């Protein structure tokens, strides 16, 4: 049976919600399983789930955390910054990354966001694909520029991160696109 036919019932079992502090360990495990994402400490994921819960998303399938987005509204700005998007290998191919992003963009806490920002290294094809797909889905423009530079910011230890910017439509238009 084709994967898309098999996965119809799985999609209906997916739930998306704000994280709880008790999700910290599961989020940490998920991020560790999703290379090439940078691993943070378990404590960092716990703080994200606690302090930034309004701009983070957990996706569950049958009670298991299979998706995670960490983000925050940039202080004194009208932009939502997405730090990490993680999708478990068991939930890939379902469009979960974009579904979680749309879920987040349609929250009241993100209604004032005029743009979405994230950083991506040039070799992270899956992240580029996800955010290009989101921009197309929203009918929005995506731009990028080198932002955190290998030698200037990372002491040569990490690839340059490009700041990706998606100009967001108004919230009512985002809700229609969901």
Protein backbone atom coordinates (compact mmCIF):
# COMPACT_ATOMS: atom_id res chain seq x y z
CA UNK A 1 0.00 0.00 0.00
CA UNK A 2 1.41 3.49 -0.85
CA UNK A 3 2.76 5.47 2.10
CA UNK A 4 0.28 8.33 1.62
CA UNK A 5 -2.67 5.91 1.84
CA UNK A 6 -1.24 4.19 4.92
CA UNK A 7 -0.65 7.50 6.64
CA UNK A 8 -4.21 8.85 6.36
CA UNK A 9 -5.14 7.34 9.71
CA UNK A 10 -1.86 8.52 11.25
CA UNK A 11 -2.54 12.14 10.28
CA UNK A 12 -5.86 12.00 12.14
CA UNK A 13 -4.03 10.82 15.27
CA UNK A 14 -1.71 13.85 15.31
CA UNK A 15 -2.35 16.55 17.89
CA UNK A 16 -0.55 19.88 18.21
CA UNK A 17 -0.37 21.88 21.40
CA UNK A 18 1.69 24.18 23.54
CA UNK A 19 4.47 22.35 25.37
CA UNK A 20 4.43 21.56 29.07
CA UNK A 21 7.45 21.48 31.36
CA UNK A 22 7.05 17.71 31.55
CA UNK A 23 7.80 17.56 27.79
CA UNK A 24 11.40 18.75 28.25
CA UNK A 25 13.04 15.31 28.23
CA UNK A 26 10.99 14.04 25.28
CA UNK A 27 11.79 17.21 23.31
CA UNK A 28 15.48 16.79 24.07
CA UNK A 29 15.39 13.16 22.90
CA UNK A 30 13.59 14.17 19.71
CA UNK A 31 16.09 16.92 18.85
CA UNK A 32 18.98 14.50 19.42
CA UNK A 33 17.36 12.09 16.94
CA UNK A 34 17.00 14.78 14.26
CA UNK A 35 20.42 15.42 12.78
CA UNK A 36 21.77 17.93 11.80
CA UNK A 37 19.95 19.96 14.49
CA UNK A 38 22.21 21.39 17.15
CA UNK A 39 21.65 19.68 20.46
CA UNK A 40 20.92 21.94 23.37
CA UNK A 41 20.89 20.86 26.98
CA UNK A 42 17.80 19.16 28.34
CA UNK A 43 17.51 22.15 30.66
CA UNK A 44 17.38 24.50 27.65
CA UNK A 45 14.49 22.53 26.16
CA UNK A 46 12.74 22.54 29.53
CA UNK A 47 13.08 26.34 29.78
CA UNK A 48 11.81 26.73 26.20
CA UNK A 49 8.78 24.57 27.01
CA UNK A 50 8.14 26.64 30.13
CA UNK A 51 9.05 30.26 29.34
CA UNK A 52 8.33 30.27 25.60
CA UNK A 53 5.42 27.83 25.47
CA UNK A 54 3.19 30.34 23.64
CA UNK A 55 5.57 30.38 20.66
CA UNK A 56 6.58 26.70 20.69
CA UNK A 57 4.72 23.66 19.40
CA UNK A 58 4.67 20.00 20.39
CA UNK A 59 3.11 17.45 18.04
CA UNK A 60 2.03 14.13 19.48
CA UNK A 61 0.99 10.88 17.90
CA UNK A 62 -0.65 8.40 20.28
CA UNK A 63 0.83 10.27 23.25
CA UNK A 64 4.41 10.28 21.89
CA UNK A 65 6.17 13.56 21.03
CA UNK A 66 6.95 13.35 17.29
CA UNK A 67 7.33 17.05 16.46
CA UNK A 68 8.74 20.19 18.03
CA UNK A 69 9.15 23.81 17.10
CA UNK A 70 10.96 26.24 19.34
CA UNK A 71 10.51 29.91 18.68
CA UNK A 72 9.96 33.31 20.17
CA UNK A 73 8.79 36.75 19.23
CA UNK A 74 11.87 38.90 18.70
CA UNK A 75 11.86 41.59 21.42
CA UNK A 76 10.86 45.05 20.17
CA UNK A 77 10.16 43.67 16.71
CA UNK A 78 7.21 42.31 14.77
CA UNK A 79 8.90 39.04 13.85
CA UNK A 80 8.54 35.46 15.00
CA UNK A 81 11.91 33.72 15.17
CA UNK A 82 11.82 29.96 14.67
CA UNK A 83 14.84 28.38 16.32
CA UNK A 84 14.36 24.68 15.65
CA UNK A 85 11.96 22.40 13.82
CA UNK A 86 12.25 18.72 14.65
CA UNK A 87 10.16 15.90 13.17
CA UNK A 88 10.66 12.32 14.32
CA UNK A 89 11.65 9.83 11.62
CA UNK A 90 8.38 8.01 12.43
CA UNK A 91 6.35 11.08 11.41
CA UNK A 92 8.24 12.23 8.33
CA UNK A 93 6.46 12.47 5.00
CA UNK A 94 3.23 13.74 6.59
CA UNK A 95 3.88 17.46 6.09
CA UNK A 96 4.15 17.81 9.86
CA UNK A 97 6.78 20.56 9.78
CA UNK A 98 4.57 22.88 7.76
CA UNK A 99 1.47 21.90 9.76
CA UNK A 100 3.24 22.84 13.00
CA UNK A 101 4.42 26.15 11.52
CA UNK A 102 0.88 27.00 10.39
CA UNK A 103 -0.47 26.00 13.81
CA UNK A 104 2.03 28.38 15.42
CA UNK A 105 1.41 31.24 12.98
CA UNK A 106 -2.32 31.06 13.67
CA UNK A 107 -2.01 31.41 17.43
CA UNK A 108 -3.17 34.65 19.02
CA UNK A 109 0.32 35.10 20.48
CA UNK A 110 1.75 35.40 16.95
CA UNK A 111 -0.98 37.59 15.45
CA UNK A 112 1.25 40.68 15.37
CA UNK A 113 4.07 38.94 13.49
CA UNK A 114 4.59 40.54 10.10
CA UNK A 115 7.41 38.19 9.23
CA UNK A 116 8.95 34.89 10.19
CA UNK A 117 12.72 34.64 10.64
CA UNK A 118 14.90 31.58 10.99
CA UNK A 119 18.52 30.77 10.30
CA UNK A 120 19.64 27.90 8.08
CA UNK A 121 23.04 26.66 6.95
CA UNK A 122 23.42 26.28 3.19
CA UNK A 123 23.73 22.49 3.41
CA UNK A 124 20.48 21.90 5.35
CA UNK A 125 18.31 20.91 2.40
CA UNK A 126 15.36 19.75 4.51
CA UNK A 127 15.07 23.11 6.30
CA UNK A 128 15.33 25.04 3.05
CA UNK A 129 12.63 22.82 1.58
CA UNK A 130 10.36 23.31 4.58
CA UNK A 131 10.57 27.09 4.65
CA UNK A 132 10.31 27.44 0.87
CA UNK A 133 7.23 25.21 1.02
CA UNK A 134 5.76 27.40 3.77
CA UNK A 135 6.39 30.57 1.76
CA UNK A 136 4.73 29.05 -1.33
CA UNK A 137 1.79 27.84 0.76
CA UNK A 138 1.31 31.35 2.16
CA UNK A 139 1.90 33.05 -1.19
CA UNK A 140 4.70 34.93 0.57
CA UNK A 141 8.16 36.09 -0.37
CA UNK A 142 11.24 34.37 1.10
CA UNK A 143 14.62 36.09 1.22
CA UNK A 144 17.92 35.16 2.82
CA UNK A 145 21.28 36.71 3.67
CA UNK A 146 24.37 35.43 5.46
CA UNK A 147 23.85 36.45 9.09
CA UNK A 148 25.90 34.51 11.64
CA UNK A 149 29.23 34.04 9.91
CA UNK A 150 31.53 31.03 10.33
CA UNK A 151 34.66 33.02 11.20
CA UNK A 152 33.15 36.15 12.71
CA UNK A 153 30.54 34.59 15.01
CA UNK A 154 31.44 30.89 15.30
CA UNK A 155 35.25 31.06 15.48
CA UNK A 156 35.36 28.74 12.47
CA UNK A 157 33.53 25.99 14.38
CA UNK A 158 30.12 26.15 12.66
CA UNK A 159 28.89 26.85 9.15
CA UNK A 160 27.48 30.30 8.33
CA UNK A 161 23.81 30.61 9.21
CA UNK A 162 21.67 32.47 6.67
CA UNK A 163 18.87 34.63 8.03
CA UNK A 164 15.74 33.55 6.21
CA UNK A 165 12.85 36.00 6.19
CA UNK A 166 9.30 35.25 5.08
CA UNK A 167 6.99 38.25 4.80
CA UNK A 168 3.78 37.03 6.42
CA UNK A 169 0.26 37.75 5.21
CA UNK A 170 -2.24 39.18 7.72
CA UNK A 171 -3.45 36.70 10.33
CA UNK A 172 -6.89 36.22 8.72
CA UNK A 173 -5.15 35.28 5.45
CA UNK A 174 -2.88 32.86 7.34
CA UNK A 175 -5.94 31.23 8.91
CA UNK A 176 -7.43 30.69 5.44
CA UNK A 177 -4.16 29.10 4.27
CA UNK A 178 -4.16 26.61 7.18
